[in-house]
Amino acid sequence: MSKAYVHGYHHRENMRLQDQASTLVELLHSDTSYPAGSLVLEAGCGVGAQTVTLARSSPRALITSIDISRSSLLEAKRKILSAGLTNIQFQQADISNLPSGQPSRP
């Protein structure tokens, strides 16, 4: 069984995910907000399309966003930096084999 993302990790797929996220953000996250001090795991963050929304709506929660793709994580980090958000940490990992440990609090 291959662990590769079925759609691949290409610029075209990145754009598709961005379009999908902007269409669904209100439906999926209009009322998503985590309380201060929460530790949130975003598994399979991809290019960070939903990460920015989660981070903005929960500025005092620490969100750990993981993805198996290094290139997707780099794009997600770029989005977070350009948005000026600081409550996200990224980690390259496979959701079927997560590293042990707990994220550090800001």
N, C-alpha and C. Protein backbone atom coordinates (compact mmCIF):
# COMPACT_ATOMS: atom_id res chain seq x y z
N MET A 1 0.84 -1.18 0.00
CA MET A 1 0.00 0.00 0.00
C MET A 1 0.88 1.24 0.00
N SER A 2 0.68 2.11 -0.95
CA SER A 2 1.47 3.32 -1.09
C SER A 2 1.01 4.37 -0.09
N LYS A 3 1.96 5.12 0.46
CA LYS A 3 1.62 6.21 1.38
C LYS A 3 1.59 7.55 0.67
N ALA A 4 1.72 7.54 -0.64
CA ALA A 4 1.70 8.79 -1.40
C ALA A 4 0.28 9.34 -1.46
N TYR A 5 0.18 10.64 -1.44
CA TYR A 5 -1.11 11.31 -1.56
C TYR A 5 -1.68 11.00 -2.93
N VAL A 6 -2.91 10.54 -2.97
CA VAL A 6 -3.52 10.04 -4.20
C VAL A 6 -3.52 11.08 -5.33
N HIS A 7 -3.63 12.36 -5.01
CA HIS A 7 -3.67 13.40 -6.03
C HIS A 7 -2.30 13.96 -6.38
N GLY A 8 -1.29 13.55 -5.65
CA GLY A 8 0.06 14.04 -5.91
C GLY A 8 0.32 15.38 -5.22
N TYR A 9 1.54 15.84 -5.30
CA TYR A 9 1.96 17.09 -4.65
C TYR A 9 2.47 18.05 -5.71
N HIS A 10 1.60 18.55 -6.53
CA HIS A 10 1.98 19.42 -7.62
C HIS A 10 1.31 20.78 -7.48
N HIS A 11 1.81 21.76 -8.18
CA HIS A 11 1.26 23.11 -8.12
C HIS A 11 -0.24 23.11 -8.44
N ARG A 12 -0.63 22.36 -9.41
CA ARG A 12 -2.05 22.31 -9.79
C ARG A 12 -2.91 21.78 -8.65
N GLU A 13 -2.43 20.76 -7.94
CA GLU A 13 -3.17 20.23 -6.79
C GLU A 13 -3.20 21.26 -5.67
N ASN A 14 -2.11 21.98 -5.47
CA ASN A 14 -2.05 23.05 -4.48
C ASN A 14 -3.16 24.07 -4.76
N MET A 15 -3.28 24.48 -6.00
CA MET A 15 -4.30 25.46 -6.38
C MET A 15 -5.71 24.90 -6.17
N ARG A 16 -5.92 23.63 -6.47
CA ARG A 16 -7.22 23.01 -6.27
C ARG A 16 -7.59 23.01 -4.79
N LEU A 17 -6.62 22.67 -3.95
CA LEU A 17 -6.87 22.67 -2.51
C LEU A 17 -7.19 24.07 -1.99
N GLN A 18 -6.51 25.07 -2.52
CA GLN A 18 -6.77 26.46 -2.11
C GLN A 18 -8.20 26.86 -2.49
N ASP A 19 -8.61 26.53 -3.69
CA ASP A 19 -9.97 26.84 -4.14
C ASP A 19 -11.00 26.12 -3.29
N GLN A 20 -10.74 24.85 -3.02
CA GLN A 20 -11.65 24.05 -2.20
C GLN A 20 -11.76 24.64 -0.80
N ALA A 21 -10.64 25.00 -0.22
CA ALA A 21 -10.63 25.54 1.14
C ALA A 21 -11.38 26.85 1.22
N SER A 22 -11.17 27.74 0.27
CA SER A 22 -11.85 29.03 0.33
C SER A 22 -13.35 28.87 0.15
N THR A 23 -13.76 27.85 -0.58
CA THR A 23 -15.19 27.58 -0.76
C THR A 23 -15.81 27.00 0.51
N LEU A 24 -15.06 26.16 1.21
CA LEU A 24 -15.60 25.44 2.35
C LEU A 24 -15.34 26.07 3.71
N VAL A 25 -14.48 27.09 3.77
CA VAL A 25 -14.06 27.62 5.06
C VAL A 25 -15.24 28.06 5.93
N GLU A 26 -16.20 28.74 5.36
CA GLU A 26 -17.35 29.19 6.14
C GLU A 26 -18.19 28.01 6.62
N LEU A 27 -18.38 27.04 5.76
CA LEU A 27 -19.16 25.86 6.11
C LEU A 27 -18.48 25.03 7.20
N LEU A 28 -17.17 24.83 7.05
CA LEU A 28 -16.44 23.97 7.97
C LEU A 28 -16.05 24.65 9.28
N HIS A 29 -15.66 25.92 9.22
CA HIS A 29 -15.05 26.54 10.39
C HIS A 29 -15.68 27.84 10.85
N SER A 30 -16.91 28.13 10.45
CA SER A 30 -17.53 29.40 10.83
C SER A 30 -17.63 29.56 12.35
N ASP A 31 -17.78 28.45 13.06
CA ASP A 31 -17.89 28.54 14.52
C ASP A 31 -16.79 27.77 15.25
N THR A 32 -15.72 27.44 14.56
CA THR A 32 -14.61 26.73 15.19
C THR A 32 -13.73 27.71 15.94
N SER A 33 -13.61 27.48 17.23
CA SER A 33 -12.74 28.32 18.07
C SER A 33 -12.33 27.50 19.28
N TYR A 34 -11.04 27.42 19.51
CA TYR A 34 -10.52 26.65 20.63
C TYR A 34 -10.14 27.60 21.75
N PRO A 35 -10.44 27.23 23.00
CA PRO A 35 -10.13 28.11 24.13
C PRO A 35 -8.63 28.31 24.34
N ALA A 36 -8.30 29.39 25.00
CA ALA A 36 -6.90 29.69 25.33
C ALA A 36 -6.29 28.49 26.04
N GLY A 37 -5.06 28.16 25.65
CA GLY A 37 -4.33 27.06 26.27
C GLY A 37 -4.59 25.71 25.65
N SER A 38 -5.52 25.63 24.70
CA SER A 38 -5.79 24.35 24.03
C SER A 38 -4.61 23.92 23.19
N LEU A 39 -4.39 22.62 23.14
CA LEU A 39 -3.40 22.02 22.25
C LEU A 39 -4.18 21.28 21.17
N VAL A 40 -4.04 21.72 19.93
CA VAL A 40 -4.84 21.19 18.83
C VAL A 40 -3.92 20.52 17.82
N LEU A 41 -4.31 19.34 17.37
CA LEU A 41 -3.58 18.64 16.32
C LEU A 41 -4.38 18.74 15.04
N GLU A 42 -3.78 19.33 14.03
CA GLU A 42 -4.37 19.34 12.69
C GLU A 42 -3.62 18.30 11.88
N ALA A 43 -4.23 17.15 11.70
CA ALA A 43 -3.59 16.04 10.99
C ALA A 43 -3.85 16.16 9.51
N GLY A 44 -2.77 16.13 8.73
CA GLY A 44 -2.90 16.25 7.29
C GLY A 44 -3.22 17.66 6.87
N CYS A 45 -2.41 18.62 7.31
CA CYS A 45 -2.68 20.04 7.05
C CYS A 45 -2.49 20.43 5.61
N GLY A 46 -1.79 19.59 4.85
CA GLY A 46 -1.57 19.92 3.45
C GLY A 46 -0.86 21.25 3.30
N VAL A 47 -1.36 22.09 2.43
CA VAL A 47 -0.72 23.38 2.14
C VAL A 47 -1.18 24.50 3.07
N GLY A 48 -1.89 24.15 4.13
CA GLY A 48 -2.28 25.14 5.13
C GLY A 48 -3.54 25.91 4.82
N ALA A 49 -4.35 25.42 3.92
CA ALA A 49 -5.54 26.13 3.51
C ALA A 49 -6.50 26.37 4.68
N GLN A 50 -6.67 25.39 5.53
CA GLN A 50 -7.55 25.54 6.70
C GLN A 50 -6.77 26.02 7.93
N THR A 51 -5.48 25.84 7.92
CA THR A 51 -4.63 26.20 9.06
C THR A 51 -4.74 27.67 9.40
N VAL A 52 -4.69 28.53 8.41
CA VAL A 52 -4.78 29.97 8.65
C VAL A 52 -6.09 30.32 9.35
N THR A 53 -7.19 29.76 8.88
CA THR A 53 -8.50 30.02 9.49
C THR A 53 -8.53 29.55 10.93
N LEU A 54 -8.03 28.34 11.19
CA LEU A 54 -8.02 27.81 12.55
C LEU A 54 -7.17 28.68 13.48
N ALA A 55 -6.01 29.08 13.00
CA ALA A 55 -5.11 29.90 13.82
C ALA A 55 -5.71 31.27 14.13
N ARG A 56 -6.35 31.87 13.15
CA ARG A 56 -6.97 33.19 13.38
C ARG A 56 -8.13 33.11 14.36
N SER A 57 -8.93 32.07 14.28
CA SER A 57 -10.10 31.98 15.15
C SER A 57 -9.76 31.51 16.56
N SER A 58 -8.56 31.01 16.75
CA SER A 58 -8.13 30.51 18.07
C SER A 58 -6.72 31.02 18.38
N PRO A 59 -6.56 32.33 18.51
CA PRO A 59 -5.21 32.89 18.64
C PRO A 59 -4.46 32.49 19.90
N ARG A 60 -5.16 32.00 20.92
CA ARG A 60 -4.48 31.63 22.17
C ARG A 60 -4.38 30.13 22.34
N ALA A 61 -4.69 29.39 21.29
CA ALA A 61 -4.49 27.93 21.29
C ALA A 61 -3.20 27.66 20.53
N LEU A 62 -2.54 26.55 20.85
CA LEU A 62 -1.35 26.13 20.11
C LEU A 62 -1.77 25.02 19.16
N ILE A 63 -1.57 25.25 17.89
CA ILE A 63 -1.96 24.29 16.87
C ILE A 63 -0.71 23.64 16.29
N THR A 64 -0.68 22.32 16.35
CA THR A 64 0.39 21.57 15.73
C THR A 64 -0.19 20.97 14.46
N SER A 65 0.34 21.40 13.33
CA SER A 65 -0.13 20.94 12.03
C SER A 65 0.89 20.00 11.44
N ILE A 66 0.43 18.81 11.07
CA ILE A 66 1.35 17.82 10.51
C ILE A 66 0.91 17.43 9.11
N ASP A 67 1.89 17.02 8.34
CA ASP A 67 1.64 16.46 7.02
C ASP A 67 2.84 15.60 6.65
N ILE A 68 2.62 14.64 5.80
CA ILE A 68 3.70 13.76 5.39
C ILE A 68 4.58 14.40 4.31
N SER A 69 4.02 15.40 3.62
CA SER A 69 4.73 16.03 2.50
C SER A 69 5.52 17.26 2.93
N ARG A 70 6.81 17.19 2.73
CA ARG A 70 7.68 18.33 3.05
C ARG A 70 7.31 19.56 2.22
N SER A 71 7.04 19.38 0.94
CA SER A 71 6.70 20.53 0.09
C SER A 71 5.38 21.17 0.51
N SER A 72 4.41 20.36 0.92
CA SER A 72 3.15 20.93 1.41
C SER A 72 3.38 21.73 2.69
N LEU A 73 4.20 21.20 3.58
CA LEU A 73 4.51 21.92 4.82
C LEU A 73 5.20 23.25 4.56
N LEU A 74 6.09 23.27 3.60
CA LEU A 74 6.77 24.52 3.26
C LEU A 74 5.76 25.57 2.78
N GLU A 75 4.80 25.15 1.98
CA GLU A 75 3.76 26.06 1.51
C GLU A 75 2.88 26.52 2.68
N ALA A 76 2.53 25.60 3.57
CA ALA A 76 1.72 25.96 4.73
C ALA A 76 2.46 26.97 5.62
N LYS A 77 3.75 26.74 5.84
CA LYS A 77 4.55 27.67 6.64
C LYS A 77 4.60 29.05 6.00
N ARG A 78 4.72 29.08 4.69
CA ARG A 78 4.74 30.36 3.97
C ARG A 78 3.43 31.12 4.21
N LYS A 79 2.32 30.43 4.15
CA LYS A 79 1.01 31.06 4.38
C LYS A 79 0.90 31.62 5.80
N ILE A 80 1.35 30.85 6.75
CA ILE A 80 1.27 31.27 8.16
C ILE A 80 2.15 32.49 8.40
N LEU A 81 3.36 32.46 7.86
CA LEU A 81 4.26 33.61 8.02
C LEU A 81 3.68 34.86 7.37
N SER A 82 3.15 34.73 6.18
CA SER A 82 2.61 35.91 5.49
C SER A 82 1.35 36.43 6.17
N ALA A 83 0.66 35.57 6.91
CA ALA A 83 -0.52 36.00 7.67
C ALA A 83 -0.14 36.58 9.03
N GLY A 84 1.13 36.44 9.41
CA GLY A 84 1.60 36.98 10.70
C GLY A 84 1.12 36.19 11.91
N LEU A 85 0.81 34.93 11.72
CA LEU A 85 0.32 34.10 12.82
C LEU A 85 1.48 33.38 13.50
N THR A 86 1.38 33.25 14.82
CA THR A 86 2.49 32.66 15.59
C THR A 86 2.07 31.48 16.45
N ASN A 87 0.82 31.08 16.39
CA ASN A 87 0.35 30.00 17.27
C ASN A 87 0.30 28.65 16.57
N ILE A 88 1.12 28.49 15.54
CA ILE A 88 1.18 27.24 14.78
C ILE A 88 2.60 26.70 14.82
N GLN A 89 2.71 25.40 14.99
CA GLN A 89 4.00 24.75 14.75
C GLN A 89 3.74 23.61 13.77
N PHE A 90 4.70 23.36 12.94
CA PHE A 90 4.57 22.36 11.89
C PHE A 90 5.52 21.21 12.15
N GLN A 91 5.09 20.03 11.73
CA GLN A 91 5.94 18.86 11.87
C GLN A 91 5.65 17.91 10.71
N GLN A 92 6.71 17.43 10.09
CA GLN A 92 6.53 16.43 9.06
C GLN A 92 6.35 15.09 9.74
N ALA A 93 5.21 14.46 9.48
CA ALA A 93 4.91 13.18 10.12
C ALA A 93 3.81 12.46 9.34
N ASP A 94 3.75 11.18 9.56
CA ASP A 94 2.73 10.32 8.97
C ASP A 94 1.64 10.13 10.03
N ILE A 95 0.38 10.44 9.71
CA ILE A 95 -0.68 10.34 10.72
C ILE A 95 -0.92 8.91 11.19
N SER A 96 -0.45 7.93 10.44
CA SER A 96 -0.60 6.55 10.89
C SER A 96 0.56 6.10 11.77
N ASN A 97 1.54 7.00 11.97
CA ASN A 97 2.69 6.69 12.81
C ASN A 97 3.20 7.99 13.44
N LEU A 98 2.38 8.57 14.30
CA LEU A 98 2.71 9.86 14.90
C LEU A 98 3.86 9.74 15.88
N PRO A 99 4.71 10.76 15.93
CA PRO A 99 5.78 10.77 16.93
C PRO A 99 5.18 10.94 18.32
N SER A 100 5.87 10.40 19.32
CA SER A 100 5.38 10.55 20.69
C SER A 100 5.81 11.91 21.22
N GLY A 101 5.22 12.29 22.30
CA GLY A 101 5.56 13.57 22.92
C GLY A 101 4.43 14.56 22.77
N GLN A 102 4.59 15.66 23.41
CA GLN A 102 3.57 16.70 23.43
C GLN A 102 4.21 18.01 22.96
N PRO A 103 3.48 18.81 22.21
CA PRO A 103 4.05 20.08 21.78
C PRO A 103 4.32 21.00 22.96
N SER A 104 5.29 21.85 22.80
CA SER A 104 5.59 22.82 23.84
C SER A 104 4.61 23.98 23.76
N ARG A 105 4.28 24.54 24.89
CA ARG A 105 3.39 25.69 24.92
C ARG A 105 4.16 26.95 24.58
N PRO A 106 3.47 27.91 23.93
CA PRO A 106 4.16 29.17 23.58
C PRO A 106 4.58 29.96 24.80
